Amino acid sequence: MQVPARVHYAALAMMELALAAQRDQPVALREITQRHGIPQPFLVQILQQLKTAGWVTSTRGSQGGYRIV
């Protein structure tokens, strides 16, 4: 069974956010893209969908990023 790239990348992003939840710091988008080689524009779309679904939150600014809810 083939898993669509969007689902695979979403799972990787959620895993990164779950691991970072223990540090209580948001994860920058560039960290996820560099670790997993996910195209940044594609990851932005995925994280927006996860945010709309209520699974992640985002914080703006230099210390910003995404957190799992």
PDB file of N, CA and C in Angstrom:
ATOM      1  N   MET A   1       0.839  -1.182   0.000  1.00  0.00           N
ATOM      2  CA  MET A   1       0.000   0.000   0.000  1.00  0.00           C
ATOM      3  C   MET A   1       0.879   1.238   0.000  1.00  0.00           C
ATOM      4  N   GLN A   2       0.616   2.144  -0.901  1.00  0.00           N
ATOM      5  CA  GLN A   2       1.366   3.389  -1.002  1.00  0.00           C
ATOM      6  C   GLN A   2       0.735   4.442  -0.083  1.00  0.00           C
ATOM      7  N   VAL A   3       1.579   5.130   0.664  1.00  0.00           N
ATOM      8  CA  VAL A   3       1.130   6.241   1.495  1.00  0.00           C
ATOM      9  C   VAL A   3       1.436   7.522   0.728  1.00  0.00           C
ATOM     10  N   PRO A   4       0.437   8.387   0.549  1.00  0.00           N
ATOM     11  CA  PRO A   4       0.693   9.639  -0.173  1.00  0.00           C
ATOM     12  C   PRO A   4       1.772  10.476   0.525  1.00  0.00           C
ATOM     13  N   ALA A   5       2.534  11.219  -0.264  1.00  0.00           N
ATOM     14  CA  ALA A   5       3.615  12.049   0.280  1.00  0.00           C
ATOM     15  C   ALA A   5       3.088  13.018   1.321  1.00  0.00           C
ATOM     16  N   ARG A   6       1.919  13.583   1.092  1.00  0.00           N
ATOM     17  CA  ARG A   6       1.340  14.540   2.044  1.00  0.00           C
ATOM     18  C   ARG A   6       1.133  13.892   3.416  1.00  0.00           C
ATOM     19  N   VAL A   7       0.640  12.677   3.438  1.00  0.00           N
ATOM     20  CA  VAL A   7       0.399  11.961   4.690  1.00  0.00           C
ATOM     21  C   VAL A   7       1.724  11.612   5.357  1.00  0.00           C
ATOM     22  N   HIS A   8       2.684  11.155   4.571  1.00  0.00           N
ATOM     23  CA  HIS A   8       3.999  10.808   5.100  1.00  0.00           C
ATOM     24  C   HIS A   8       4.671  12.036   5.735  1.00  0.00           C
ATOM     25  N   TYR A   9       4.653  13.155   5.032  1.00  0.00           N
ATOM     26  CA  TYR A   9       5.257  14.382   5.546  1.00  0.00           C
ATOM     27  C   TYR A   9       4.514  14.911   6.770  1.00  0.00           C
ATOM     28  N   ALA A  10       3.206  14.785   6.782  1.00  0.00           N
ATOM     29  CA  ALA A  10       2.420  15.219   7.940  1.00  0.00           C
ATOM     30  C   ALA A  10       2.785  14.386   9.169  1.00  0.00           C
ATOM     31  N   ALA A  11       2.958  13.084   8.978  1.00  0.00           N
ATOM     32  CA  ALA A  11       3.336  12.213  10.094  1.00  0.00           C
ATOM     33  C   ALA A  11       4.729  12.576  10.614  1.00  0.00           C
ATOM     34  N   LEU A  12       5.671  12.855   9.719  1.00  0.00           N
ATOM     35  CA  LEU A  12       7.008  13.260  10.148  1.00  0.00           C
ATOM     36  C   LEU A  12       6.967  14.572  10.922  1.00  0.00           C
ATOM     37  N   ALA A  13       6.184  15.524  10.439  1.00  0.00           N
ATOM     38  CA  ALA A  13       6.077  16.811  11.119  1.00  0.00           C
ATOM     39  C   ALA A  13       5.454  16.643  12.506  1.00  0.00           C
ATOM     40  N   MET A  14       4.401  15.852  12.605  1.00  0.00           N
ATOM     41  CA  MET A  14       3.756  15.625  13.901  1.00  0.00           C
ATOM     42  C   MET A  14       4.702  14.911  14.861  1.00  0.00           C
ATOM     43  N   MET A  15       5.518  13.997  14.354  1.00  0.00           N
ATOM     44  CA  MET A  15       6.494  13.325  15.190  1.00  0.00           C
ATOM     45  C   MET A  15       7.500  14.330  15.752  1.00  0.00           C
ATOM     46  N   GLU A  16       7.996  15.219  14.899  1.00  0.00           N
ATOM     47  CA  GLU A  16       8.936  16.255  15.344  1.00  0.00           C
ATOM     48  C   GLU A  16       8.306  17.142  16.409  1.00  0.00           C
ATOM     49  N   LEU A  17       7.059  17.528  16.196  1.00  0.00           N
ATOM     50  CA  LEU A  17       6.382  18.397  17.158  1.00  0.00           C
ATOM     51  C   LEU A  17       6.129  17.672  18.477  1.00  0.00           C
ATOM     52  N   ALA A  18       5.804  16.403  18.413  1.00  0.00           N
ATOM     53  CA  ALA A  18       5.578  15.624  19.629  1.00  0.00           C
ATOM     54  C   ALA A  18       6.866  15.483  20.430  1.00  0.00           C
ATOM     55  N   LEU A  19       7.972  15.253  19.744  1.00  0.00           N
ATOM     56  CA  LEU A  19       9.261  15.141  20.445  1.00  0.00           C
ATOM     57  C   LEU A  19       9.670  16.460  21.074  1.00  0.00           C
ATOM     58  N   ALA A  20       9.356  17.570  20.413  1.00  0.00           N
ATOM     59  CA  ALA A  20       9.718  18.895  20.921  1.00  0.00           C
ATOM     60  C   ALA A  20       8.791  19.357  22.042  1.00  0.00           C
ATOM     61  N   ALA A  21       7.645  18.725  22.197  1.00  0.00           N
ATOM     62  CA  ALA A  21       6.692  19.138  23.225  1.00  0.00           C
ATOM     63  C   ALA A  21       7.281  19.011  24.626  1.00  0.00           C
ATOM     64  N   GLN A  22       8.191  18.085  24.820  1.00  0.00           N
ATOM     65  CA  GLN A  22       8.824  17.906  26.131  1.00  0.00           C
ATOM     66  C   GLN A  22       9.716  19.091  26.483  1.00  0.00           C
ATOM     67  N   ARG A  23      10.298  19.742  25.470  1.00  0.00           N
ATOM     68  CA  ARG A  23      11.157  20.911  25.713  1.00  0.00           C
ATOM     69  C   ARG A  23      10.339  22.182  25.864  1.00  0.00           C
ATOM     70  N   ASP A  24       9.065  22.122  25.534  1.00  0.00           N
ATOM     71  CA  ASP A  24       8.152  23.261  25.606  1.00  0.00           C
ATOM     72  C   ASP A  24       8.636  24.439  24.767  1.00  0.00           C
ATOM     73  N   GLN A  25       9.156  24.121  23.580  1.00  0.00           N
ATOM     74  CA  GLN A  25       9.584  25.147  22.640  1.00  0.00           C
ATOM     75  C   GLN A  25       8.970  24.853  21.281  1.00  0.00           C
ATOM     76  N   PRO A  26       8.601  25.903  20.554  1.00  0.00           N
ATOM     77  CA  PRO A  26       8.079  25.661  19.206  1.00  0.00           C
ATOM     78  C   PRO A  26       9.180  25.176  18.267  1.00  0.00           C
ATOM     79  N   VAL A  27       8.793  24.438  17.257  1.00  0.00           N
ATOM     80  CA  VAL A  27       9.730  23.919  16.267  1.00  0.00           C
ATOM     81  C   VAL A  27       9.650  24.800  15.022  1.00  0.00           C
ATOM     82  N   ALA A  28      10.798  25.317  14.609  1.00  0.00           N
ATOM     83  CA  ALA A  28      10.844  26.156  13.410  1.00  0.00           C
ATOM     84  C   ALA A  28      10.637  25.291  12.172  1.00  0.00           C
ATOM     85  N   LEU A  29       9.994  25.877  11.208  1.00  0.00           N
ATOM     86  CA  LEU A  29       9.715  25.198   9.950  1.00  0.00           C
ATOM     87  C   LEU A  29      10.993  24.692   9.290  1.00  0.00           C
ATOM     88  N   ARG A  30      12.025  25.505   9.313  1.00  0.00           N
ATOM     89  CA  ARG A  30      13.284  25.135   8.657  1.00  0.00           C
ATOM     90  C   ARG A  30      13.941  23.920   9.314  1.00  0.00           C
ATOM     91  N   GLU A  31      13.716  23.723  10.617  1.00  0.00           N
ATOM     92  CA  GLU A  31      14.269  22.537  11.286  1.00  0.00           C
ATOM     93  C   GLU A  31      13.685  21.264  10.693  1.00  0.00           C
ATOM     94  N   ILE A  32      12.384  21.262  10.491  1.00  0.00           N
ATOM     95  CA  ILE A  32      11.715  20.078   9.951  1.00  0.00           C
ATOM     96  C   ILE A  32      12.142  19.843   8.503  1.00  0.00           C
ATOM     97  N   THR A  33      12.203  20.919   7.719  1.00  0.00           N
ATOM     98  CA  THR A  33      12.573  20.764   6.310  1.00  0.00           C
ATOM     99  C   THR A  33      14.003  20.271   6.163  1.00  0.00           C
ATOM    100  N   GLN A  34      14.893  20.741   7.014  1.00  0.00           N
ATOM    101  CA  GLN A  34      16.296  20.317   6.925  1.00  0.00           C
ATOM    102  C   GLN A  34      16.475  18.874   7.372  1.00  0.00           C
ATOM    103  N   ARG A  35      15.789  18.467   8.424  1.00  0.00           N
ATOM    104  CA  ARG A  35      15.950  17.104   8.938  1.00  0.00           C
ATOM    105  C   ARG A  35      15.393  16.045   8.004  1.00  0.00           C
ATOM    106  N   HIS A  36      14.287  16.376   7.330  1.00  0.00           N
ATOM    107  CA  HIS A  36      13.586  15.350   6.566  1.00  0.00           C
ATOM    108  C   HIS A  36      13.553  15.607   5.065  1.00  0.00           C
ATOM    109  N   GLY A  37      14.107  16.720   4.620  1.00  0.00           N
ATOM    110  CA  GLY A  37      14.143  17.002   3.193  1.00  0.00           C
ATOM    111  C   GLY A  37      12.781  17.275   2.580  1.00  0.00           C
ATOM    112  N   ILE A  38      11.883  17.814   3.381  1.00  0.00           N
ATOM    113  CA  ILE A  38      10.541  18.129   2.900  1.00  0.00           C
ATOM    114  C   ILE A  38      10.587  19.503   2.236  1.00  0.00           C
ATOM    115  N   PRO A  39      10.033  19.653   1.052  1.00  0.00           N
ATOM    116  CA  PRO A  39       9.990  20.980   0.429  1.00  0.00           C
ATOM    117  C   PRO A  39       9.207  21.957   1.308  1.00  0.00           C
ATOM    118  N   GLN A  40       9.801  23.110   1.591  1.00  0.00           N
ATOM    119  CA  GLN A  40       9.191  24.052   2.520  1.00  0.00           C
ATOM    120  C   GLN A  40       7.794  24.520   2.114  1.00  0.00           C
ATOM    121  N   PRO A  41       7.564  24.883   0.842  1.00  0.00           N
ATOM    122  CA  PRO A  41       6.198  25.310   0.483  1.00  0.00           C
ATOM    123  C   PRO A  41       5.151  24.213   0.719  1.00  0.00           C
ATOM    124  N   PHE A  42       5.533  22.981   0.494  1.00  0.00           N
ATOM    125  CA  PHE A  42       4.630  21.855   0.706  1.00  0.00           C
ATOM    126  C   PHE A  42       4.352  21.673   2.195  1.00  0.00           C
ATOM    127  N   LEU A  43       5.396  21.802   3.024  1.00  0.00           N
ATOM    128  CA  LEU A  43       5.226  21.652   4.469  1.00  0.00           C
ATOM    129  C   LEU A  43       4.364  22.767   5.042  1.00  0.00           C
ATOM    130  N   VAL A  44       4.488  23.966   4.507  1.00  0.00           N
ATOM    131  CA  VAL A  44       3.644  25.081   4.957  1.00  0.00           C
ATOM    132  C   VAL A  44       2.175  24.733   4.734  1.00  0.00           C
ATOM    133  N   GLN A  45       1.852  24.191   3.567  1.00  0.00           N
ATOM    134  CA  GLN A  45       0.474  23.800   3.265  1.00  0.00           C
ATOM    135  C   GLN A  45      -0.023  22.733   4.237  1.00  0.00           C
ATOM    136  N   ILE A  46       0.816  21.760   4.506  1.00  0.00           N
ATOM    137  CA  ILE A  46       0.449  20.665   5.404  1.00  0.00           C
ATOM    138  C   ILE A  46       0.200  21.190   6.813  1.00  0.00           C
ATOM    139  N   LEU A  47       1.105  22.030   7.311  1.00  0.00           N
ATOM    140  CA  LEU A  47       0.955  22.561   8.666  1.00  0.00           C
ATOM    141  C   LEU A  47      -0.255  23.487   8.777  1.00  0.00           C
ATOM    142  N   GLN A  48      -0.589  24.195   7.708  1.00  0.00           N
ATOM    143  CA  GLN A  48      -1.800  25.022   7.713  1.00  0.00           C
ATOM    144  C   GLN A  48      -3.039  24.142   7.861  1.00  0.00           C
ATOM    145  N   GLN A  49      -3.051  23.020   7.172  1.00  0.00           N
ATOM    146  CA  GLN A  49      -4.179  22.094   7.289  1.00  0.00           C
ATOM    147  C   GLN A  49      -4.267  21.512   8.697  1.00  0.00           C
ATOM    148  N   LEU A  50      -3.122  21.170   9.275  1.00  0.00           N
ATOM    149  CA  LEU A  50      -3.107  20.639  10.643  1.00  0.00           C
ATOM    150  C   LEU A  50      -3.542  21.710  11.646  1.00  0.00           C
ATOM    151  N   LYS A  51      -3.190  22.948  11.381  1.00  0.00           N
ATOM    152  CA  LYS A  51      -3.602  24.063  12.246  1.00  0.00           C
ATOM    153  C   LYS A  51      -5.111  24.269  12.160  1.00  0.00           C
ATOM    154  N   THR A  52      -5.653  24.227  10.954  1.00  0.00           N
ATOM    155  CA  THR A  52      -7.100  24.373  10.751  1.00  0.00           C
ATOM    156  C   THR A  52      -7.856  23.240  11.452  1.00  0.00           C
ATOM    157  N   ALA A  53      -7.277  22.052  11.443  1.00  0.00           N
ATOM    158  CA  ALA A  53      -7.899  20.897  12.092  1.00  0.00           C
ATOM    159  C   ALA A  53      -7.776  20.952  13.611  1.00  0.00           C
ATOM    160  N   GLY A  54      -6.953  21.879  14.127  1.00  0.00           N
ATOM    161  CA  GLY A  54      -6.791  22.015  15.566  1.00  0.00           C
ATOM    162  C   GLY A  54      -5.735  21.106  16.172  1.00  0.00           C
ATOM    163  N   TRP A  55      -4.862  20.557  15.350  1.00  0.00           N
ATOM    164  CA  TRP A  55      -3.842  19.636  15.841  1.00  0.00           C
ATOM    165  C   TRP A  55      -2.549  20.342  16.208  1.00  0.00           C
ATOM    166  N   VAL A  56      -2.288  21.507  15.617  1.00  0.00           N
ATOM    167  CA  VAL A  56      -1.078  22.270  15.917  1.00  0.00           C
ATOM    168  C   VAL A  56      -1.432  23.739  16.096  1.00  0.00           C
ATOM    169  N   THR A  57      -0.555  24.462  16.768  1.00  0.00           N
ATOM    170  CA  THR A  57      -0.667  25.907  16.890  1.00  0.00           C
ATOM    171  C   THR A  57       0.629  26.509  16.375  1.00  0.00           C
ATOM    172  N   SER A  58       0.572  27.775  16.040  1.00  0.00           N
ATOM    173  CA  SER A  58       1.781  28.433  15.555  1.00  0.00           C
ATOM    174  C   SER A  58       2.035  29.700  16.356  1.00  0.00           C
ATOM    175  N   THR A  59       3.320  30.069  16.421  1.00  0.00           N
ATOM    176  CA  THR A  59       3.766  31.276  17.092  1.00  0.00           C
ATOM    177  C   THR A  59       4.637  32.036  16.124  1.00  0.00           C
ATOM    178  N   ARG A  60       4.387  33.329  15.995  1.00  0.00           N
ATOM    179  CA  ARG A  60       5.175  34.158  15.091  1.00  0.00           C
ATOM    180  C   ARG A  60       6.413  34.686  15.796  1.00  0.00           C
ATOM    181  N   GLY A  61       7.345  35.159  14.978  1.00  0.00           N
ATOM    182  CA  GLY A  61       8.521  35.823  15.512  1.00  0.00           C
ATOM    183  C   GLY A  61       9.776  34.988  15.383  1.00  0.00           C
ATOM    184  N   SER A  62      10.885  35.573  15.841  1.00  0.00           N
ATOM    185  CA  SER A  62      12.174  34.896  15.708  1.00  0.00           C
ATOM    186  C   SER A  62      12.264  33.626  16.545  1.00  0.00           C
ATOM    187  N   GLN A  63      11.524  33.558  17.622  1.00  0.00           N
ATOM    188  CA  GLN A  63      11.500  32.360  18.460  1.00  0.00           C
ATOM    189  C   GLN A  63      10.239  31.540  18.220  1.00  0.00           C
ATOM    190  N   GLY A  64       9.567  31.823  17.111  1.00  0.00           N
ATOM    191  CA  GLY A  64       8.314  31.163  16.797  1.00  0.00           C
ATOM    192  C   GLY A  64       8.488  29.819  16.131  1.00  0.00           C
ATOM    193  N   GLY A  65       7.366  29.225  15.820  1.00  0.00           N
ATOM    194  CA  GLY A  65       7.342  27.925  15.160  1.00  0.00           C
ATOM    195  C   GLY A  65       6.008  27.259  15.408  1.00  0.00           C
ATOM    196  N   TYR A  66       6.000  25.965  15.360  1.00  0.00           N
ATOM    197  CA  TYR A  66       4.783  25.184  15.527  1.00  0.00           C
ATOM    198  C   TYR A  66       4.886  24.302  16.753  1.00  0.00           C
ATOM    199  N   ARG A  67       3.721  24.086  17.396  1.00  0.00           N
ATOM    200  CA  ARG A  67       3.618  23.197  18.551  1.00  0.00           C
ATOM    201  C   ARG A  67       2.435  22.269  18.350  1.00  0.00           C
ATOM    202  N   ILE A  68       2.560  21.081  18.887  1.00  0.00           N
ATOM    203  CA  ILE A  68       1.451  20.139  18.852  1.00  0.00           C
ATOM    204  C   ILE A  68       0.476  20.531  19.973  1.00  0.00           C
ATOM    205  N   VAL A  69      -0.806  20.346  19.734  1.00  0.00           N
ATOM    206  CA  VAL A  69      -1.822  20.718  20.735  1.00  0.00           C
ATOM    207  C   VAL A  69      -2.006  19.590  21.717  1.00  0.00           C
TER     208      VAL A  69
END
